[in-house]
Amino acid sequence: MLNLQKAKDIKQVCISDAALKEIAEKVILVSSKQLAKILGKKNDSTLRSARVLNYGFKFYKDPDGNIYYNLIEVFNKIGIKI
């Protein structure tokens, strides 16, 4: 944990509103089950199969092994403009 003694120090390590807005326009992480619902699938089995066979959408894994997809990347890949 950071040892911050002054409010000025906190501002130096916090993300700016402009930077946060830029990230939010590029990254929206959703779980495999959430993405399946968004794409109108019954469940996420097709997404899981694609991961095992190393094709399909790019995915991200957290340290606990949970899988997430960047919704903006998925939409761009299938041609949906936001």
N, C-alpha and C. Protein backbone atom coordinates (compact mmCIF):
# COMPACT_ATOMS: atom_id res chain seq x y z
N MET A 1 0.84 -1.17 0.00
CA MET A 1 0.00 0.00 0.00
C MET A 1 0.89 1.24 0.00
N LEU A 2 0.46 2.23 -0.73
CA LEU A 2 1.23 3.46 -0.82
C LEU A 2 1.13 4.26 0.47
N ASN A 3 2.21 4.89 0.82
CA ASN A 3 2.21 5.76 1.99
C ASN A 3 2.01 7.19 1.51
N LEU A 4 0.78 7.65 1.49
CA LEU A 4 0.45 8.98 1.01
C LEU A 4 0.12 9.88 2.18
N GLN A 5 0.84 11.00 2.26
CA GLN A 5 0.65 11.88 3.40
C GLN A 5 -0.13 13.13 3.05
N LYS A 6 -0.16 13.54 1.82
CA LYS A 6 -0.82 14.78 1.44
C LYS A 6 -1.78 14.53 0.30
N ALA A 7 -2.80 15.36 0.20
CA ALA A 7 -3.75 15.25 -0.90
C ALA A 7 -3.04 15.44 -2.24
N LYS A 8 -2.01 16.26 -2.26
CA LYS A 8 -1.24 16.48 -3.47
C LYS A 8 -0.61 15.16 -3.95
N ASP A 9 -0.11 14.35 -3.03
CA ASP A 9 0.48 13.07 -3.38
C ASP A 9 -0.56 12.13 -3.98
N ILE A 10 -1.76 12.16 -3.46
CA ILE A 10 -2.83 11.29 -3.97
C ILE A 10 -3.16 11.65 -5.41
N LYS A 11 -3.22 12.92 -5.73
CA LYS A 11 -3.53 13.35 -7.09
C LYS A 11 -2.48 12.87 -8.08
N GLN A 12 -1.25 12.69 -7.63
CA GLN A 12 -0.18 12.25 -8.52
C GLN A 12 -0.31 10.77 -8.90
N VAL A 13 -0.99 9.97 -8.08
CA VAL A 13 -1.11 8.55 -8.38
C VAL A 13 -2.50 8.15 -8.87
N CYS A 14 -3.44 9.09 -8.88
CA CYS A 14 -4.79 8.80 -9.36
C CYS A 14 -4.87 9.03 -10.86
N ILE A 15 -5.72 8.24 -11.52
CA ILE A 15 -5.93 8.40 -12.95
C ILE A 15 -6.80 9.64 -13.18
N SER A 16 -6.49 10.37 -14.23
CA SER A 16 -7.28 11.56 -14.53
C SER A 16 -8.61 11.15 -15.15
N ASP A 17 -9.57 12.05 -15.08
CA ASP A 17 -10.88 11.78 -15.67
C ASP A 17 -10.76 11.57 -17.18
N ALA A 18 -9.91 12.34 -17.82
CA ALA A 18 -9.72 12.21 -19.27
C ALA A 18 -9.13 10.85 -19.63
N ALA A 19 -8.14 10.40 -18.85
CA ALA A 19 -7.53 9.10 -19.12
C ALA A 19 -8.52 7.97 -18.88
N LEU A 20 -9.32 8.10 -17.84
CA LEU A 20 -10.32 7.08 -17.55
C LEU A 20 -11.36 7.00 -18.65
N LYS A 21 -11.78 8.15 -19.17
CA LYS A 21 -12.75 8.18 -20.27
C LYS A 21 -12.18 7.49 -21.51
N GLU A 22 -10.89 7.74 -21.78
CA GLU A 22 -10.25 7.12 -22.93
C GLU A 22 -10.20 5.60 -22.79
N ILE A 23 -9.88 5.12 -21.61
CA ILE A 23 -9.85 3.67 -21.37
C ILE A 23 -11.24 3.08 -21.51
N ALA A 24 -12.25 3.75 -20.96
CA ALA A 24 -13.62 3.24 -20.99
C ALA A 24 -14.15 3.13 -22.42
N GLU A 25 -13.62 3.95 -23.32
CA GLU A 25 -14.04 3.88 -24.72
C GLU A 25 -13.41 2.70 -25.45
N LYS A 26 -12.37 2.11 -24.84
CA LYS A 26 -11.64 1.03 -25.50
C LYS A 26 -11.80 -0.32 -24.80
N VAL A 27 -12.20 -0.30 -23.53
CA VAL A 27 -12.23 -1.54 -22.76
C VAL A 27 -13.52 -1.64 -21.95
N ILE A 28 -14.28 -2.67 -22.21
CA ILE A 28 -15.43 -3.05 -21.39
C ILE A 28 -15.35 -4.57 -21.26
N LEU A 29 -14.92 -5.04 -20.10
CA LEU A 29 -14.76 -6.48 -19.92
C LEU A 29 -16.07 -7.13 -19.51
N VAL A 30 -16.37 -8.25 -20.17
CA VAL A 30 -17.56 -9.03 -19.84
C VAL A 30 -17.13 -10.49 -19.69
N SER A 31 -17.85 -11.22 -18.87
CA SER A 31 -17.55 -12.64 -18.70
C SER A 31 -18.01 -13.43 -19.92
N SER A 32 -17.59 -14.66 -19.99
CA SER A 32 -17.98 -15.53 -21.09
C SER A 32 -19.49 -15.72 -21.13
N LYS A 33 -20.10 -15.89 -19.97
CA LYS A 33 -21.55 -16.05 -19.91
C LYS A 33 -22.27 -14.78 -20.34
N GLN A 34 -21.74 -13.63 -19.94
CA GLN A 34 -22.35 -12.36 -20.34
C GLN A 34 -22.25 -12.16 -21.85
N LEU A 35 -21.08 -12.48 -22.42
CA LEU A 35 -20.91 -12.33 -23.86
C LEU A 35 -21.86 -13.25 -24.62
N ALA A 36 -22.02 -14.47 -24.14
CA ALA A 36 -22.95 -15.40 -24.79
C ALA A 36 -24.36 -14.81 -24.81
N LYS A 37 -24.80 -14.22 -23.71
CA LYS A 37 -26.13 -13.59 -23.66
C LYS A 37 -26.21 -12.43 -24.64
N ILE A 38 -25.17 -11.59 -24.69
CA ILE A 38 -25.15 -10.45 -25.59
C ILE A 38 -25.25 -10.91 -27.04
N LEU A 39 -24.59 -12.01 -27.36
CA LEU A 39 -24.60 -12.54 -28.74
C LEU A 39 -25.81 -13.41 -29.03
N GLY A 40 -26.69 -13.57 -28.05
CA GLY A 40 -27.92 -14.34 -28.26
C GLY A 40 -27.73 -15.84 -28.23
N LYS A 41 -26.69 -16.30 -27.58
CA LYS A 41 -26.44 -17.74 -27.46
C LYS A 41 -27.15 -18.30 -26.24
N LYS A 42 -27.48 -19.59 -26.29
CA LYS A 42 -28.14 -20.25 -25.16
C LYS A 42 -27.23 -20.32 -23.94
N ASN A 43 -25.94 -20.60 -24.19
CA ASN A 43 -24.94 -20.64 -23.11
C ASN A 43 -23.57 -20.33 -23.72
N ASP A 44 -22.53 -20.41 -22.93
CA ASP A 44 -21.20 -20.03 -23.42
C ASP A 44 -20.37 -21.21 -23.92
N SER A 45 -21.00 -22.32 -24.23
CA SER A 45 -20.25 -23.51 -24.66
C SER A 45 -19.49 -23.28 -25.97
N THR A 46 -20.05 -22.52 -26.91
CA THR A 46 -19.34 -22.27 -28.16
C THR A 46 -18.11 -21.39 -27.92
N LEU A 47 -18.21 -20.46 -26.99
CA LEU A 47 -17.06 -19.62 -26.66
C LEU A 47 -15.97 -20.45 -25.99
N ARG A 48 -16.38 -21.36 -25.11
CA ARG A 48 -15.41 -22.24 -24.44
C ARG A 48 -14.73 -23.15 -25.45
N SER A 49 -15.50 -23.70 -26.37
CA SER A 49 -14.93 -24.57 -27.41
C SER A 49 -13.91 -23.82 -28.26
N ALA A 50 -14.25 -22.60 -28.62
CA ALA A 50 -13.34 -21.79 -29.44
C ALA A 50 -12.04 -21.51 -28.69
N ARG A 51 -12.12 -21.26 -27.39
CA ARG A 51 -10.90 -21.02 -26.60
C ARG A 51 -10.01 -22.25 -26.59
N VAL A 52 -10.61 -23.41 -26.40
CA VAL A 52 -9.84 -24.66 -26.34
C VAL A 52 -9.15 -24.94 -27.67
N LEU A 53 -9.82 -24.60 -28.77
CA LEU A 53 -9.27 -24.86 -30.10
C LEU A 53 -8.43 -23.68 -30.62
N ASN A 54 -8.20 -22.68 -29.77
CA ASN A 54 -7.37 -21.52 -30.11
C ASN A 54 -7.87 -20.72 -31.30
N TYR A 55 -9.16 -20.50 -31.37
CA TYR A 55 -9.72 -19.58 -32.36
C TYR A 55 -10.87 -18.83 -31.71
N GLY A 56 -11.45 -17.93 -32.44
CA GLY A 56 -12.55 -17.14 -31.88
C GLY A 56 -12.04 -15.80 -31.38
N PHE A 57 -12.76 -15.24 -30.44
CA PHE A 57 -12.44 -13.92 -29.92
C PHE A 57 -11.26 -13.97 -28.95
N LYS A 58 -10.48 -12.89 -28.96
CA LYS A 58 -9.38 -12.77 -28.00
C LYS A 58 -9.97 -12.68 -26.60
N PHE A 59 -9.39 -13.39 -25.66
CA PHE A 59 -9.89 -13.38 -24.28
C PHE A 59 -8.76 -13.06 -23.32
N TYR A 60 -9.15 -12.68 -22.13
CA TYR A 60 -8.21 -12.33 -21.07
C TYR A 60 -8.53 -13.18 -19.86
N LYS A 61 -7.48 -13.57 -19.15
CA LYS A 61 -7.66 -14.41 -17.97
C LYS A 61 -7.08 -13.70 -16.76
N ASP A 62 -7.86 -13.65 -15.67
CA ASP A 62 -7.35 -13.02 -14.45
C ASP A 62 -6.54 -14.05 -13.65
N PRO A 63 -5.88 -13.63 -12.59
CA PRO A 63 -5.04 -14.58 -11.82
C PRO A 63 -5.81 -15.77 -11.24
N ASP A 64 -7.12 -15.65 -11.07
CA ASP A 64 -7.92 -16.74 -10.55
C ASP A 64 -8.40 -17.69 -11.65
N GLY A 65 -8.07 -17.39 -12.92
CA GLY A 65 -8.47 -18.24 -14.03
C GLY A 65 -9.80 -17.88 -14.66
N ASN A 66 -10.42 -16.79 -14.21
CA ASN A 66 -11.69 -16.35 -14.81
C ASN A 66 -11.41 -15.73 -16.17
N ILE A 67 -12.30 -15.99 -17.12
CA ILE A 67 -12.14 -15.54 -18.49
C ILE A 67 -13.01 -14.31 -18.73
N TYR A 68 -12.42 -13.32 -19.41
CA TYR A 68 -13.15 -12.11 -19.78
C TYR A 68 -12.86 -11.76 -21.23
N TYR A 69 -13.83 -11.13 -21.86
CA TYR A 69 -13.69 -10.65 -23.23
C TYR A 69 -13.84 -9.14 -23.22
N ASN A 70 -13.09 -8.46 -24.08
CA ASN A 70 -13.25 -7.03 -24.25
C ASN A 70 -14.38 -6.83 -25.26
N LEU A 71 -15.51 -6.34 -24.78
CA LEU A 71 -16.70 -6.21 -25.61
C LEU A 71 -16.45 -5.30 -26.81
N ILE A 72 -15.66 -4.26 -26.64
CA ILE A 72 -15.36 -3.35 -27.76
C ILE A 72 -14.60 -4.10 -28.84
N GLU A 73 -13.63 -4.93 -28.48
CA GLU A 73 -12.87 -5.73 -29.46
C GLU A 73 -13.78 -6.72 -30.17
N VAL A 74 -14.67 -7.37 -29.42
CA VAL A 74 -15.61 -8.34 -30.02
C VAL A 74 -16.49 -7.63 -31.03
N PHE A 75 -17.07 -6.49 -30.65
CA PHE A 75 -17.93 -5.75 -31.57
C PHE A 75 -17.17 -5.31 -32.81
N ASN A 76 -15.94 -4.84 -32.65
CA ASN A 76 -15.15 -4.44 -33.81
C ASN A 76 -14.87 -5.62 -34.73
N LYS A 77 -14.60 -6.78 -34.14
CA LYS A 77 -14.28 -7.97 -34.95
C LYS A 77 -15.50 -8.43 -35.76
N ILE A 78 -16.70 -8.31 -35.20
CA ILE A 78 -17.88 -8.75 -35.94
C ILE A 78 -18.54 -7.60 -36.72
N GLY A 79 -17.91 -6.42 -36.68
CA GLY A 79 -18.36 -5.31 -37.53
C GLY A 79 -19.45 -4.45 -36.96
N ILE A 80 -19.63 -4.44 -35.65
CA ILE A 80 -20.63 -3.58 -35.03
C ILE A 80 -19.94 -2.31 -34.55
N LYS A 81 -20.44 -1.17 -35.01
CA LYS A 81 -19.87 0.12 -34.63
C LYS A 81 -20.67 0.68 -33.47
N ILE A 82 -19.96 1.19 -32.47
CA ILE A 82 -20.62 1.77 -31.31
C ILE A 82 -20.51 3.28 -31.38
